């Protein structure tokens, strides 16, 4: 296993992780990053929880 330097490691390819990767690419193009996701699909909760005809999610404000 080879070791490669990354400036930032993003854990989770849900909306927040994808957004972080986008903003890093846009605002800090000289920084390298690694986006990690344990599942086969990106999208986090939006991909995981599906109901007939809709996708649903509750934010932390709703839960807390």
PDB file of N, CA and C in Angstrom:
ATOM      1  N   UNK A   1       0.840  -1.179   0.000  1.00  0.00           N
ATOM      2  CA  UNK A   1       0.000   0.000   0.000  1.00  0.00           C
ATOM      3  C   UNK A   1       0.885   1.242   0.000  1.00  0.00           C
ATOM      4  N   UNK A   2       0.729   2.080  -0.990  1.00  0.00           N
ATOM      5  CA  UNK A   2       1.544   3.282  -1.069  1.00  0.00           C
ATOM      6  C   UNK A   2       0.881   4.423  -0.302  1.00  0.00           C
ATOM      7  N   UNK A   3       1.704   5.276   0.257  1.00  0.00           N
ATOM      8  CA  UNK A   3       1.218   6.434   1.001  1.00  0.00           C
ATOM      9  C   UNK A   3       1.322   7.666   0.098  1.00  0.00           C
ATOM     10  N   UNK A   4       0.232   8.388  -0.039  1.00  0.00           N
ATOM     11  CA  UNK A   4       0.225   9.603  -0.836  1.00  0.00           C
ATOM     12  C   UNK A   4      -0.303  10.734   0.028  1.00  0.00           C
ATOM     13  N   UNK A   5       0.384  11.860   0.024  1.00  0.00           N
ATOM     14  CA  UNK A   5      -0.004  13.005   0.850  1.00  0.00           C
ATOM     15  C   UNK A   5      -1.280  13.655   0.325  1.00  0.00           C
ATOM     16  N   UNK A   6      -2.178  13.987   1.239  1.00  0.00           N
ATOM     17  CA  UNK A   6      -3.375  14.776   0.945  1.00  0.00           C
ATOM     18  C   UNK A   6      -3.451  15.887   1.979  1.00  0.00           C
ATOM     19  N   UNK A   7      -3.827  17.082   1.553  1.00  0.00           N
ATOM     20  CA  UNK A   7      -3.982  18.200   2.482  1.00  0.00           C
ATOM     21  C   UNK A   7      -5.238  18.049   3.332  1.00  0.00           C
ATOM     22  N   UNK A   8      -6.300  17.495   2.753  1.00  0.00           N
ATOM     23  CA  UNK A   8      -7.586  17.366   3.439  1.00  0.00           C
ATOM     24  C   UNK A   8      -8.164  15.987   3.159  1.00  0.00           C
ATOM     25  N   UNK A   9      -8.727  15.370   4.185  1.00  0.00           N
ATOM     26  CA  UNK A   9      -9.472  14.121   4.020  1.00  0.00           C
ATOM     27  C   UNK A   9     -10.918  14.400   4.406  1.00  0.00           C
ATOM     28  N   UNK A  10     -11.827  14.123   3.493  1.00  0.00           N
ATOM     29  CA  UNK A  10     -13.254  14.316   3.721  1.00  0.00           C
ATOM     30  C   UNK A  10     -13.868  12.938   3.932  1.00  0.00           C
ATOM     31  N   UNK A  11     -14.519  12.742   5.072  1.00  0.00           N
ATOM     32  CA  UNK A  11     -15.122  11.451   5.396  1.00  0.00           C
ATOM     33  C   UNK A  11     -16.622  11.545   5.139  1.00  0.00           C
ATOM     34  N   UNK A  12     -17.083  10.781   4.169  1.00  0.00           N
ATOM     35  CA  UNK A  12     -18.502  10.741   3.829  1.00  0.00           C
ATOM     36  C   UNK A  12     -18.805  11.529   2.570  1.00  0.00           C
ATOM     37  N   UNK A  13     -19.458  10.860   1.621  1.00  0.00           N
ATOM     38  CA  UNK A  13     -19.807  11.486   0.342  1.00  0.00           C
ATOM     39  C   UNK A  13     -21.298  11.793   0.284  1.00  0.00           C
ATOM     40  N   UNK A  14     -21.822  12.316   1.408  1.00  0.00           N
ATOM     41  CA  UNK A  14     -23.184  12.835   1.415  1.00  0.00           C
ATOM     42  C   UNK A  14     -23.169  14.266   0.900  1.00  0.00           C
ATOM     43  N   UNK A  15     -24.260  14.976   1.108  1.00  0.00           N
ATOM     44  CA  UNK A  15     -24.334  16.352   0.613  1.00  0.00           C
ATOM     45  C   UNK A  15     -23.227  17.228   1.176  1.00  0.00           C
ATOM     46  N   UNK A  16     -22.927  17.094   2.463  1.00  0.00           N
ATOM     47  CA  UNK A  16     -21.889  17.916   3.073  1.00  0.00           C
ATOM     48  C   UNK A  16     -20.509  17.571   2.531  1.00  0.00           C
ATOM     49  N   UNK A  17     -20.194  16.288   2.417  1.00  0.00           N
ATOM     50  CA  UNK A  17     -18.898  15.880   1.889  1.00  0.00           C
ATOM     51  C   UNK A  17     -18.699  16.289   0.449  1.00  0.00           C
ATOM     52  N   UNK A  18     -19.722  16.113  -0.366  1.00  0.00           N
ATOM     53  CA  UNK A  18     -19.648  16.531  -1.768  1.00  0.00           C
ATOM     54  C   UNK A  18     -19.490  18.044  -1.853  1.00  0.00           C
ATOM     55  N   UNK A  19     -20.240  18.763  -1.009  1.00  0.00           N
ATOM     56  CA  UNK A  19     -20.123  20.221  -0.977  1.00  0.00           C
ATOM     57  C   UNK A  19     -18.740  20.677  -0.551  1.00  0.00           C
ATOM     58  N   UNK A  20     -18.163  20.004   0.442  1.00  0.00           N
ATOM     59  CA  UNK A  20     -16.811  20.343   0.890  1.00  0.00           C
ATOM     60  C   UNK A  20     -15.797  20.127  -0.233  1.00  0.00           C
ATOM     61  N   UNK A  21     -15.924  19.016  -0.941  1.00  0.00           N
ATOM     62  CA  UNK A  21     -15.015  18.738  -2.057  1.00  0.00           C
ATOM     63  C   UNK A  21     -15.158  19.796  -3.147  1.00  0.00           C
ATOM     64  N   UNK A  22     -16.384  20.188  -3.439  1.00  0.00           N
ATOM     65  CA  UNK A  22     -16.613  21.216  -4.451  1.00  0.00           C
ATOM     66  C   UNK A  22     -15.962  22.539  -4.040  1.00  0.00           C
ATOM     67  N   UNK A  23     -16.212  22.951  -2.802  1.00  0.00           N
ATOM     68  CA  UNK A  23     -15.662  24.233  -2.348  1.00  0.00           C
ATOM     69  C   UNK A  23     -14.140  24.213  -2.267  1.00  0.00           C
ATOM     70  N   UNK A  24     -13.569  23.088  -1.864  1.00  0.00           N
ATOM     71  CA  UNK A  24     -12.108  22.982  -1.875  1.00  0.00           C
ATOM     72  C   UNK A  24     -11.564  23.124  -3.292  1.00  0.00           C
ATOM     73  N   UNK A  25     -12.208  22.455  -4.241  1.00  0.00           N
ATOM     74  CA  UNK A  25     -11.772  22.551  -5.639  1.00  0.00           C
ATOM     75  C   UNK A  25     -11.906  23.969  -6.165  1.00  0.00           C
ATOM     76  N   UNK A  26     -12.973  24.648  -5.774  1.00  0.00           N
ATOM     77  CA  UNK A  26     -13.265  25.994  -6.272  1.00  0.00           C
ATOM     78  C   UNK A  26     -12.427  27.069  -5.590  1.00  0.00           C
ATOM     79  N   UNK A  27     -12.364  27.021  -4.257  1.00  0.00           N
ATOM     80  CA  UNK A  27     -11.716  28.092  -3.487  1.00  0.00           C
ATOM     81  C   UNK A  27     -10.241  27.831  -3.190  1.00  0.00           C
ATOM     82  N   UNK A  28      -9.838  26.569  -3.181  1.00  0.00           N
ATOM     83  CA  UNK A  28      -8.451  26.212  -2.848  1.00  0.00           C
ATOM     84  C   UNK A  28      -7.916  25.197  -3.863  1.00  0.00           C
ATOM     85  N   UNK A  29      -7.813  25.604  -5.122  1.00  0.00           N
ATOM     86  CA  UNK A  29      -7.430  24.641  -6.164  1.00  0.00           C
ATOM     87  C   UNK A  29      -6.031  24.050  -5.987  1.00  0.00           C
ATOM     88  N   UNK A  30      -5.196  24.680  -5.179  1.00  0.00           N
ATOM     89  CA  UNK A  30      -3.848  24.157  -4.955  1.00  0.00           C
ATOM     90  C   UNK A  30      -3.803  23.123  -3.835  1.00  0.00           C
ATOM     91  N   UNK A  31      -4.918  22.866  -3.171  1.00  0.00           N
ATOM     92  CA  UNK A  31      -4.987  21.871  -2.098  1.00  0.00           C
ATOM     93  C   UNK A  31      -5.475  20.526  -2.634  1.00  0.00           C
ATOM     94  N   UNK A  32      -4.861  19.467  -2.167  1.00  0.00           N
ATOM     95  CA  UNK A  32      -5.301  18.125  -2.561  1.00  0.00           C
ATOM     96  C   UNK A  32      -6.259  17.596  -1.500  1.00  0.00           C
ATOM     97  N   UNK A  33      -7.189  16.748  -1.927  1.00  0.00           N
ATOM     98  CA  UNK A  33      -8.110  16.156  -0.967  1.00  0.00           C
ATOM     99  C   UNK A  33      -8.472  14.741  -1.385  1.00  0.00           C
ATOM    100  N   UNK A  34      -8.955  14.000  -0.410  1.00  0.00           N
ATOM    101  CA  UNK A  34      -9.418  12.637  -0.624  1.00  0.00           C
ATOM    102  C   UNK A  34     -10.819  12.556  -0.044  1.00  0.00           C
ATOM    103  N   UNK A  35     -11.774  12.119  -0.842  1.00  0.00           N
ATOM    104  CA  UNK A  35     -13.165  11.968  -0.408  1.00  0.00           C
ATOM    105  C   UNK A  35     -13.426  10.479  -0.193  1.00  0.00           C
ATOM    106  N   UNK A  36     -13.711  10.092   1.045  1.00  0.00           N
ATOM    107  CA  UNK A  36     -13.926   8.690   1.403  1.00  0.00           C
ATOM    108  C   UNK A  36     -15.414   8.411   1.600  1.00  0.00           C
ATOM    109  N   UNK A  37     -15.874   7.291   1.095  1.00  0.00           N
ATOM    110  CA  UNK A  37     -17.259   6.855   1.283  1.00  0.00           C
ATOM    111  C   UNK A  37     -17.251   5.340   1.448  1.00  0.00           C
ATOM    112  N   UNK A  38     -17.945   4.834   2.467  1.00  0.00           N
ATOM    113  CA  UNK A  38     -17.948   3.393   2.728  1.00  0.00           C
ATOM    114  C   UNK A  38     -18.937   2.641   1.843  1.00  0.00           C
ATOM    115  N   UNK A  39     -19.942   3.342   1.351  1.00  0.00           N
ATOM    116  CA  UNK A  39     -20.948   2.685   0.519  1.00  0.00           C
ATOM    117  C   UNK A  39     -20.538   2.734  -0.956  1.00  0.00           C
ATOM    118  N   UNK A  40     -21.245   1.975  -1.786  1.00  0.00           N
ATOM    119  CA  UNK A  40     -20.973   1.946  -3.225  1.00  0.00           C
ATOM    120  C   UNK A  40     -21.459   3.206  -3.929  1.00  0.00           C
ATOM    121  N   UNK A  41     -22.462   3.874  -3.355  1.00  0.00           N
ATOM    122  CA  UNK A  41     -23.061   5.046  -4.000  1.00  0.00           C
ATOM    123  C   UNK A  41     -22.764   6.312  -3.197  1.00  0.00           C
ATOM    124  N   UNK A  42     -22.616   7.412  -3.899  1.00  0.00           N
ATOM    125  CA  UNK A  42     -22.477   8.712  -3.244  1.00  0.00           C
ATOM    126  C   UNK A  42     -23.870   9.270  -2.984  1.00  0.00           C
ATOM    127  N   UNK A  43     -23.958  10.206  -2.059  1.00  0.00           N
ATOM    128  CA  UNK A  43     -25.232  10.855  -1.792  1.00  0.00           C
ATOM    129  C   UNK A  43     -25.698  10.734  -0.360  1.00  0.00           C
ATOM    130  N   UNK A  44     -25.076   9.855   0.412  1.00  0.00           N
ATOM    131  CA  UNK A  44     -25.405   9.721   1.825  1.00  0.00           C
ATOM    132  C   UNK A  44     -26.870   9.417   2.062  1.00  0.00           C
ATOM    133  N   UNK A  45     -27.481  10.155   2.982  1.00  0.00           N
ATOM    134  CA  UNK A  45     -28.876   9.939   3.353  1.00  0.00           C
ATOM    135  C   UNK A  45     -29.810  10.071   2.163  1.00  0.00           C
ATOM    136  N   UNK A  46     -29.509  11.002   1.259  1.00  0.00           N
ATOM    137  CA  UNK A  46     -30.392  11.204   0.101  1.00  0.00           C
ATOM    138  C   UNK A  46     -30.430   9.980  -0.797  1.00  0.00           C
ATOM    139  N   UNK A  47     -29.352   9.227  -0.826  1.00  0.00           N
ATOM    140  CA  UNK A  47     -29.340   7.995  -1.619  1.00  0.00           C
ATOM    141  C   UNK A  47     -29.863   6.808  -0.810  1.00  0.00           C
ATOM    142  N   UNK A  48     -29.607   6.800   0.491  1.00  0.00           N
ATOM    143  CA  UNK A  48     -29.929   5.659   1.346  1.00  0.00           C
ATOM    144  C   UNK A  48     -31.421   5.528   1.650  1.00  0.00           C
ATOM    145  N   UNK A  49     -32.085   6.637   1.987  1.00  0.00           N
ATOM    146  CA  UNK A  49     -33.495   6.586   2.372  1.00  0.00           C
ATOM    147  C   UNK A  49     -34.378   7.008   1.212  1.00  0.00           C
ATOM    148  N   UNK A  50     -35.058   6.047   0.635  1.00  0.00           N
ATOM    149  CA  UNK A  50     -35.946   6.309  -0.499  1.00  0.00           C
ATOM    150  C   UNK A  50     -37.341   5.797  -0.161  1.00  0.00           C
ATOM    151  N   UNK A  51     -38.322   6.557  -0.539  1.00  0.00           N
ATOM    152  CA  UNK A  51     -39.716   6.179  -0.353  1.00  0.00           C
ATOM    153  C   UNK A  51     -40.378   6.233  -1.721  1.00  0.00           C
ATOM    154  N   UNK A  52     -41.477   5.516  -1.913  1.00  0.00           N
ATOM    155  CA  UNK A  52     -42.097   5.477  -3.243  1.00  0.00           C
ATOM    156  C   UNK A  52     -42.333   6.874  -3.835  1.00  0.00           C
ATOM    157  N   UNK A  53     -41.597   7.183  -4.870  1.00  0.00           N
ATOM    158  CA  UNK A  53     -41.795   8.441  -5.583  1.00  0.00           C
ATOM    159  C   UNK A  53     -41.083   9.656  -5.014  1.00  0.00           C
ATOM    160  N   UNK A  54     -40.478   9.537  -3.815  1.00  0.00           N
ATOM    161  CA  UNK A  54     -39.787  10.689  -3.218  1.00  0.00           C
ATOM    162  C   UNK A  54     -38.509  10.238  -2.543  1.00  0.00           C
ATOM    163  N   UNK A  55     -37.672  11.196  -2.251  1.00  0.00           N
ATOM    164  CA  UNK A  55     -36.522  10.975  -1.376  1.00  0.00           C
ATOM    165  C   UNK A  55     -36.724  11.876  -0.171  1.00  0.00           C
ATOM    166  N   UNK A  56     -36.316  11.417   0.994  1.00  0.00           N
ATOM    167  CA  UNK A  56     -36.583  12.170   2.218  1.00  0.00           C
ATOM    168  C   UNK A  56     -35.333  12.246   3.077  1.00  0.00           C
ATOM    169  N   UNK A  57     -35.239  13.306   3.859  1.00  0.00           N
ATOM    170  CA  UNK A  57     -34.139  13.497   4.784  1.00  0.00           C
ATOM    171  C   UNK A  57     -34.597  14.474   5.867  1.00  0.00           C
ATOM    172  N   UNK A  58     -34.064  14.321   7.045  1.00  0.00           N
ATOM    173  CA  UNK A  58     -34.303  15.269   8.128  1.00  0.00           C
ATOM    174  C   UNK A  58     -32.966  15.833   8.557  1.00  0.00           C
ATOM    175  N   UNK A  59     -32.880  17.154   8.686  1.00  0.00           N
ATOM    176  CA  UNK A  59     -31.624  17.764   9.098  1.00  0.00           C
ATOM    177  C   UNK A  59     -31.470  17.673  10.612  1.00  0.00           C
ATOM    178  N   UNK A  60     -30.287  18.008  11.130  1.00  0.00           N
ATOM    179  CA  UNK A  60     -30.014  17.889  12.559  1.00  0.00           C
ATOM    180  C   UNK A  60     -30.920  18.807  13.381  1.00  0.00           C
ATOM    181  N   UNK A  61     -31.299  19.956  12.853  1.00  0.00           N
ATOM    182  CA  UNK A  61     -32.189  20.865  13.569  1.00  0.00           C
ATOM    183  C   UNK A  61     -33.538  20.183  13.842  1.00  0.00           C
ATOM    184  N   UNK A  62     -34.029  19.429  12.889  1.00  0.00           N
ATOM    185  CA  UNK A  62     -35.292  18.716  13.054  1.00  0.00           C
ATOM    186  C   UNK A  62     -35.164  17.616  14.101  1.00  0.00           C
ATOM    187  N   UNK A  63     -34.026  16.918  14.114  1.00  0.00           N
ATOM    188  CA  UNK A  63     -33.829  15.800  15.034  1.00  0.00           C
ATOM    189  C   UNK A  63     -33.502  16.257  16.448  1.00  0.00           C
ATOM    190  N   UNK A  64     -32.851  17.424  16.593  1.00  0.00           N
ATOM    191  CA  UNK A  64     -32.363  17.848  17.908  1.00  0.00           C
ATOM    192  C   UNK A  64     -33.253  18.798  18.574  1.00  0.00           C
TER     193      UNK A  64
END
